[in-house]
Amino acid sequence: MKFIDEALITAQSGDGGNGCVSFRREKYVPKGGPDGGDGGNGGDVVFETTSRMNTLYSFQFKKHFRAERGKHGRGKNQSGRSGKALIIFVPPGTLIKEAETGNLLKEFVRNGESFLVARGGRGGLGNQHFASSRKRSPRYAQKGESGQTLSLKLELKLLADIGIIGLPNAGKSTLVSKLSSARPKVANYPFTTLTPTLGVVESQQIDPFVIADIPGLIEGAHHGVGLGTRFLKHVERSRFLLHLIDLSAVPLEDPVGPYHTVNQELRSFGSPLGQKAQVIVLNKVDKPGTRAAAEKLRNLLEPLNPDVWVISALTGEGLEQLKDHLAGLVEKAREPGYDKTEKTNT
């Protein structure tokens, strides 16, 4: 399924049904009074989250949503049926905004949340309500109110325990495929990953946790360079970050340069990304000449962040130890009051 994280839609609640103009007609009962029933209320439009969705792909094909209108009232004091509410399902992590102003209406975080975005129109009153001692035969009724029509922008920010960041070709997709059952596209060229990839990691220590491969981080990404800011937003909700560095591409003149480049983009994005706790993982130690580079780079990085690991995502070297370490961090991060910035030094 294609990954879509933004959509523009129109949501319209149902109109209220009209009240009825009717008079009682019964044998041997002359001049029966008004008995027009009320119109039913229009259906509401409600958003609800479901874990069965992880993209806004379905909104590419259907952009107009309309709830059922209320039925009109009838004679013999019969009120019209209210329209059924329209429930629109979205994945957790979805933001509902007004399309024109950008005002945030609702931010969904958990599965099963619901939000009434447009209330249905009220049904009109039948003529029975307008009878009085002076006007015993009212020949008018109230029309139903119109429903609300809203232009909405849906934005999705993925919910993951760990966001994997790093420059292109650092091996993020390979790492996700080794730690989880996800099967992202893996190839040796820039921007292999064009969309975020979620993977579920099974662990004996804790309940399964979710990792996300976030593409698009190159120098100038916060200005829109490369894949730009489109996917940086997906890192915002991660509990902490795994910063992956390609040992085979470390520049000799400035070994710590790639680390600072990525963190500068996080800080420049204009959100708390630059303050999130990070685990630094040096990848591709299986390549010739990288073990010496790993030791040198570890010594340079540990004063900035002591949580440094050396692995080969391709061969699996160091992966089990890293997986156990990540599980322990996720378990701690799930505790109430966890400080998301406590290990970050950039």
Protein backbone atom coordinates (compact mmCIF):
# COMPACT_ATOMS: atom_id res chain seq x y z
CA MET A 1 0.00 0.00 0.00
CA LYS A 2 1.33 3.43 -0.93
CA PHE A 3 2.34 5.61 2.00
CA ILE A 4 0.30 8.83 2.07
CA ASP A 5 0.66 11.18 5.05
CA GLU A 6 -1.43 14.20 3.93
CA ALA A 7 -4.93 14.54 2.51
CA LEU A 8 -7.52 17.25 1.85
CA ILE A 9 -11.14 16.24 2.31
CA THR A 10 -14.61 17.75 2.69
CA ALA A 11 -16.84 16.56 5.52
CA GLN A 12 -20.54 17.42 5.63
CA SER A 13 -22.94 16.54 8.42
CA GLY A 14 -26.53 15.65 7.57
CA ASP A 15 -29.31 18.19 7.21
CA GLY A 16 -32.16 18.06 9.67
CA GLY A 17 -35.51 16.79 8.41
CA ASN A 18 -38.42 19.20 7.95
CA GLY A 19 -41.34 19.34 10.34
CA CYS A 20 -44.72 18.24 8.97
CA VAL A 21 -47.92 20.25 8.45
CA SER A 22 -50.77 17.86 9.16
CA PHE A 23 -54.21 17.84 10.81
CA ARG A 24 -55.96 15.09 12.61
CA ARG A 25 -58.59 13.37 10.50
CA GLU A 26 -60.87 11.01 12.42
CA LYS A 27 -64.45 9.93 11.87
CA TYR A 28 -66.98 11.65 14.12
CA VAL A 29 -64.27 14.03 15.39
CA PRO A 30 -64.85 17.38 13.66
CA LYS A 31 -62.09 19.97 13.39
CA GLY A 32 -59.22 17.73 14.50
CA GLY A 33 -56.20 19.64 15.68
CA PRO A 34 -52.66 19.78 14.21
CA ASP A 35 -50.66 16.55 14.44
CA GLY A 36 -47.59 17.22 12.28
CA GLY A 37 -44.51 15.34 13.52
CA ASP A 38 -40.98 16.71 13.92
CA GLY A 39 -38.14 16.15 11.50
CA GLY A 40 -35.22 13.97 12.57
CA ASN A 41 -31.79 15.37 13.34
CA GLY A 42 -29.07 15.08 10.72
CA GLY A 43 -26.21 12.64 11.21
CA ASP A 44 -22.93 13.78 12.79
CA VAL A 45 -19.48 13.35 11.26
CA VAL A 46 -17.11 11.59 13.65
CA PHE A 47 -13.42 10.68 13.27
CA GLU A 48 -12.17 7.55 14.99
CA THR A 49 -8.71 5.99 15.14
CA THR A 50 -8.00 2.39 14.28
CA SER A 51 -4.72 0.49 14.49
CA ARG A 52 -5.66 -1.33 11.28
CA MET A 53 -4.58 1.75 9.33
CA ASN A 54 -1.06 3.22 9.16
CA THR A 55 -1.45 5.57 6.18
CA LEU A 56 -3.97 8.03 4.72
CA TYR A 57 -3.94 6.14 1.44
CA SER A 58 -7.72 5.59 1.33
CA PHE A 59 -8.32 9.36 1.22
CA GLN A 60 -6.63 9.54 -2.18
CA PHE A 61 -9.75 8.02 -3.75
CA LYS A 62 -12.57 9.41 -1.63
CA LYS A 63 -12.43 13.05 -0.63
CA HIS A 64 -16.08 13.95 0.01
CA PHE A 65 -17.84 12.55 3.06
CA ARG A 66 -21.47 13.23 3.88
CA ALA A 67 -23.56 11.96 6.77
CA GLU A 68 -27.17 10.88 6.35
CA ARG A 69 -29.84 13.57 6.58
CA GLY A 70 -32.75 13.34 9.00
CA LYS A 71 -36.11 12.08 7.74
CA HIS A 72 -39.05 14.48 7.48
CA GLY A 73 -41.84 14.40 10.04
CA ARG A 74 -45.22 12.88 9.15
CA GLY A 75 -48.82 13.15 10.27
CA LYS A 76 -50.25 11.49 13.37
CA ASN A 77 -47.40 13.01 15.40
CA GLN A 78 -44.82 10.75 13.75
CA SER A 79 -41.33 12.16 14.07
CA GLY A 80 -38.77 11.49 11.36
CA ARG A 81 -35.83 9.20 12.03
CA SER A 82 -32.51 10.87 12.80
CA GLY A 83 -29.73 10.37 10.27
CA LYS A 84 -26.95 7.89 11.03
CA ALA A 85 -23.63 9.31 12.13
CA LEU A 86 -20.80 8.96 9.63
CA ILE A 87 -17.64 7.51 11.19
CA ILE A 88 -14.40 8.23 9.31
CA PHE A 89 -11.53 5.98 10.37
CA VAL A 90 -7.95 7.32 10.51
CA PRO A 91 -4.69 5.86 11.85
CA PRO A 92 -3.33 6.88 15.27
CA GLY A 93 -1.04 9.87 14.89
CA THR A 94 -3.44 11.79 12.63
CA LEU A 95 -3.94 15.55 13.02
CA ILE A 96 -7.23 17.12 11.91
CA LYS A 97 -6.86 20.75 10.81
CA GLU A 98 -9.03 23.39 9.16
CA ALA A 99 -7.82 23.47 5.57
CA GLU A 100 -8.03 27.26 5.13
CA THR A 101 -6.66 28.47 8.47
CA GLY A 102 -4.52 25.54 9.55
CA ASN A 103 -6.12 25.59 13.01
CA LEU A 104 -5.68 22.27 14.80
CA LEU A 105 -9.02 20.69 15.67
CA LYS A 106 -7.84 17.36 17.05
CA GLU A 107 -4.63 15.39 17.48
CA PHE A 108 -5.10 11.63 17.74
CA VAL A 109 -2.51 9.71 19.71
CA ARG A 110 -4.12 6.45 20.86
CA ASN A 111 -6.09 3.72 19.16
CA GLY A 112 -9.87 3.97 19.63
CA GLU A 113 -10.07 7.74 20.14
CA SER A 114 -13.03 9.56 18.59
CA PHE A 115 -13.84 13.19 17.83
CA LEU A 116 -17.05 14.82 16.63
CA VAL A 117 -15.98 17.23 13.90
CA ALA A 118 -19.37 18.31 12.47
CA ARG A 119 -22.71 18.14 14.25
CA GLY A 120 -25.80 17.29 12.22
CA GLY A 121 -28.53 19.86 11.62
CA ARG A 122 -31.43 19.94 14.04
CA GLY A 123 -34.77 18.64 12.80
CA GLY A 124 -37.61 21.09 12.29
CA LEU A 125 -40.68 21.18 14.52
CA GLY A 126 -44.05 20.01 13.20
CA ASN A 127 -47.09 22.26 13.23
CA GLN A 128 -48.39 20.67 16.44
CA HIS A 129 -45.87 22.82 18.33
CA PHE A 130 -47.29 26.07 16.97
CA ALA A 131 -50.90 25.60 18.05
CA SER A 132 -52.17 28.07 20.65
CA SER A 133 -55.46 29.32 22.05
CA ARG A 134 -55.46 32.04 19.41
CA LYS A 135 -54.10 30.01 16.50
CA ARG A 136 -55.57 26.55 16.65
CA SER A 137 -54.80 25.48 13.10
CA PRO A 138 -51.24 26.56 12.22
CA ARG A 139 -50.53 25.79 8.58
CA TYR A 140 -46.80 25.99 8.81
CA ALA A 141 -43.93 23.97 10.27
CA GLN A 142 -40.26 24.50 10.81
CA LYS A 143 -37.67 23.48 8.26
CA GLY A 144 -34.71 21.44 9.35
CA GLU A 145 -31.33 23.12 9.90
CA SER A 146 -28.61 22.58 7.36
CA GLY A 147 -25.62 20.47 8.32
CA GLN A 148 -22.08 21.79 8.60
CA THR A 149 -19.65 21.62 5.69
CA LEU A 150 -15.95 21.68 6.57
CA SER A 151 -12.82 21.60 4.45
CA LEU A 152 -10.27 19.60 6.41
CA LYS A 153 -6.60 18.78 6.11
CA LEU A 154 -5.44 15.46 7.50
CA GLU A 155 -1.80 15.05 8.48
CA LEU A 156 -0.20 11.86 9.73
CA LYS A 157 2.75 11.74 12.10
CA LEU A 158 3.85 8.18 12.69
CA LEU A 159 3.84 6.78 16.20
CA ALA A 160 6.98 4.77 16.91
CA ASP A 161 9.01 3.96 19.99
CA ILE A 162 12.27 4.51 18.12
CA GLY A 163 12.94 6.73 15.12
CA ILE A 164 15.97 5.72 13.05
CA ILE A 165 17.79 8.71 11.60
CA GLY A 166 20.96 9.14 9.60
CA LEU A 167 22.35 10.23 6.26
CA PRO A 168 21.37 8.32 3.09
CA ASN A 169 23.03 4.90 2.65
CA ALA A 170 23.72 4.56 6.38
CA GLY A 171 21.91 1.21 6.35
CA LYS A 172 18.63 2.21 8.03
CA SER A 173 16.44 -0.03 5.85
CA THR A 174 18.76 -3.00 6.35
CA LEU A 175 18.67 -2.49 10.12
CA VAL A 176 14.86 -2.37 10.13
CA SER A 177 14.69 -5.57 8.09
CA LYS A 178 17.08 -7.36 10.47
CA LEU A 179 15.39 -6.25 13.69
CA SER A 180 11.80 -6.76 12.52
CA SER A 181 9.69 -8.58 9.95
CA ALA A 182 9.41 -5.45 7.80
CA ARG A 183 10.83 -5.77 4.29
CA PRO A 184 11.76 -2.29 3.03
CA LYS A 185 13.53 -1.79 -0.28
CA VAL A 186 17.29 -2.08 0.17
CA ALA A 187 19.80 -0.84 -2.42
CA ASN A 188 23.11 0.98 -2.57
CA TYR A 189 22.05 4.37 -3.84
CA PRO A 190 20.81 7.60 -2.23
CA PHE A 191 17.14 7.87 -1.34
CA THR A 192 16.40 4.17 -1.67
CA THR A 193 13.79 4.74 1.04
CA LEU A 194 11.25 7.23 -0.26
CA THR A 195 8.66 6.70 2.48
CA PRO A 196 8.90 5.96 6.23
CA THR A 197 8.93 2.28 7.07
CA LEU A 198 7.54 0.84 10.30
CA GLY A 199 8.77 -2.39 11.80
CA VAL A 200 7.61 -4.28 14.89
CA VAL A 201 10.45 -5.71 17.00
CA GLU A 202 9.73 -8.80 19.12
CA SER A 203 11.55 -8.97 22.44
CA GLN A 204 11.61 -11.40 25.36
CA GLN A 205 12.10 -8.50 27.78
CA ILE A 206 9.06 -6.36 26.98
CA ASP A 207 6.01 -6.16 24.76
CA PRO A 208 6.79 -5.64 21.05
CA PHE A 209 8.02 -2.17 20.17
CA VAL A 210 7.90 -0.18 16.94
CA ILE A 211 10.85 1.23 15.03
CA ALA A 212 10.57 3.67 12.12
CA ASP A 213 13.06 4.26 9.31
CA ILE A 214 12.83 7.98 8.56
CA PRO A 215 14.24 9.01 5.14
CA GLY A 216 15.26 12.40 3.84
CA LEU A 217 17.92 13.63 6.27
CA ILE A 218 20.67 15.39 4.35
CA GLU A 219 22.27 18.77 4.84
CA GLY A 220 19.62 21.43 4.20
CA ALA A 221 16.68 19.06 4.74
CA HIS A 222 14.93 21.54 7.03
CA HIS A 223 14.85 23.93 4.03
CA GLY A 224 13.35 21.28 1.77
CA VAL A 225 16.56 19.90 0.24
CA GLY A 226 16.30 16.26 -0.86
CA LEU A 227 13.10 14.85 0.59
CA GLY A 228 13.06 17.95 2.76
CA THR A 229 10.80 18.46 5.72
CA ARG A 230 8.15 16.05 4.47
CA PHE A 231 9.29 13.19 6.70
CA LEU A 232 11.08 14.98 9.52
CA LYS A 233 7.71 15.43 11.23
CA HIS A 234 7.44 11.66 11.63
CA VAL A 235 10.37 11.68 14.07
CA GLU A 236 8.64 14.07 16.47
CA ARG A 237 6.59 11.47 18.30
CA SER A 238 9.34 8.89 18.73
CA ARG A 239 10.28 8.16 22.34
CA PHE A 240 13.94 8.42 21.38
CA LEU A 241 16.17 8.27 18.30
CA LEU A 242 18.63 5.76 16.92
CA HIS A 243 21.30 7.71 15.07
CA LEU A 244 22.87 5.42 12.46
CA ILE A 245 26.28 6.33 11.01
CA ASP A 246 27.96 4.64 8.03
CA LEU A 247 31.53 3.79 9.06
CA SER A 248 32.61 3.30 5.45
CA ALA A 249 31.66 6.89 4.59
CA VAL A 250 33.22 8.72 7.57
CA PRO A 251 35.37 11.61 6.23
CA LEU A 252 38.97 11.44 7.45
CA GLU A 253 39.27 15.21 7.83
CA ASP A 254 36.13 15.47 9.99
CA PRO A 255 34.97 12.08 11.34
CA VAL A 256 32.27 13.61 13.54
CA GLY A 257 30.92 15.72 10.66
CA PRO A 258 28.03 13.38 9.66
CA TYR A 259 26.86 13.24 13.29
CA HIS A 260 26.78 17.02 13.58
CA THR A 261 25.13 17.42 10.16
CA VAL A 262 22.14 15.29 11.11
CA ASN A 263 21.74 16.89 14.54
CA GLN A 264 21.91 20.36 13.04
CA GLU A 265 19.01 19.49 10.75
CA LEU A 266 17.01 18.21 13.72
CA ARG A 267 17.60 21.40 15.68
CA SER A 268 16.79 23.59 12.66
CA PHE A 269 13.47 21.87 12.01
CA GLY A 270 11.81 24.03 14.66
CA SER A 271 10.57 21.30 17.00
CA PRO A 272 11.99 19.42 20.02
CA LEU A 273 13.72 16.95 17.71
CA GLY A 274 17.18 18.25 18.57
CA GLN A 275 16.56 17.54 22.25
CA LYS A 276 15.43 13.93 21.97
CA ALA A 277 17.59 11.25 23.54
CA GLN A 278 19.73 9.34 21.04
CA VAL A 279 21.49 6.02 20.76
CA ILE A 280 24.46 6.29 18.37
CA VAL A 281 25.03 3.19 16.25
CA LEU A 282 28.09 2.86 14.02
CA ASN A 283 27.17 0.55 11.15
CA LYS A 284 29.00 -1.46 8.45
CA VAL A 285 31.88 -2.61 10.64
CA ASP A 286 32.09 -5.62 8.29
CA LYS A 287 33.70 -3.49 5.56
CA PRO A 288 37.51 -3.40 5.22
CA GLY A 289 39.30 -0.79 7.32
CA THR A 290 36.24 0.20 9.34
CA ARG A 291 37.19 -1.33 12.71
CA ALA A 292 39.97 1.17 13.26
CA ALA A 293 37.63 3.96 12.14
CA ALA A 294 34.97 2.67 14.55
CA GLU A 295 37.33 2.83 17.52
CA LYS A 296 38.50 6.33 16.61
CA LEU A 297 34.98 7.60 16.05
CA ARG A 298 33.71 6.03 19.27
CA ASN A 299 36.40 7.90 21.24
CA LEU A 300 35.34 11.17 19.59
CA LEU A 301 31.60 10.60 20.10
CA GLU A 302 31.54 9.32 23.68
CA PRO A 303 32.22 12.77 25.21
CA LEU A 304 29.15 14.01 23.27
CA ASN A 305 26.98 10.96 23.95
CA PRO A 306 28.28 7.90 25.81
CA ASP A 307 25.62 5.57 24.34
CA VAL A 308 27.62 4.36 21.31
CA TRP A 309 27.32 0.93 19.68
CA VAL A 310 29.21 -0.73 16.83
CA ILE A 311 27.35 -3.20 14.56
CA SER A 312 27.01 -4.67 11.11
CA ALA A 313 23.36 -4.73 10.10
CA LEU A 314 24.30 -6.84 7.08
CA THR A 315 26.11 -9.67 8.91
CA GLY A 316 24.28 -9.33 12.23
CA GLU A 317 27.37 -8.57 14.29
CA GLY A 318 26.34 -6.82 17.52
CA LEU A 319 22.62 -6.82 16.62
CA GLU A 320 21.38 -9.02 19.48
CA GLN A 321 23.17 -6.91 22.08
CA LEU A 322 21.83 -3.73 20.49
CA LYS A 323 18.30 -5.17 20.37
CA ASP A 324 18.40 -6.02 24.10
CA HIS A 325 19.72 -2.54 24.87
CA LEU A 326 16.97 -0.89 22.84
CA ALA A 327 14.31 -3.02 24.55
CA GLY A 328 15.59 -1.85 27.94
CA LEU A 329 15.48 1.79 26.84
CA VAL A 330 11.95 1.42 25.46
CA GLU A 331 10.81 -0.19 28.71
CA LYS A 332 12.22 2.77 30.62
CA ALA A 333 10.79 5.28 28.13
CA ARG A 334 7.30 3.82 28.57
CA GLU A 335 7.35 4.63 32.28
CA PRO A 336 5.42 7.74 33.40
CA GLY A 337 7.57 10.82 33.82
CA TYR A 338 10.33 9.65 31.47
CA ASP A 339 12.64 12.52 30.46
CA LYS A 340 13.05 12.30 26.68
CA THR A 341 16.13 14.53 26.71
CA GLU A 342 18.11 13.03 29.56
CA LYS A 343 20.83 11.40 27.40
CA THR A 344 21.14 13.92 24.63
CA ASN A 345 24.37 15.86 24.20
CA THR A 346 24.72 17.32 20.72
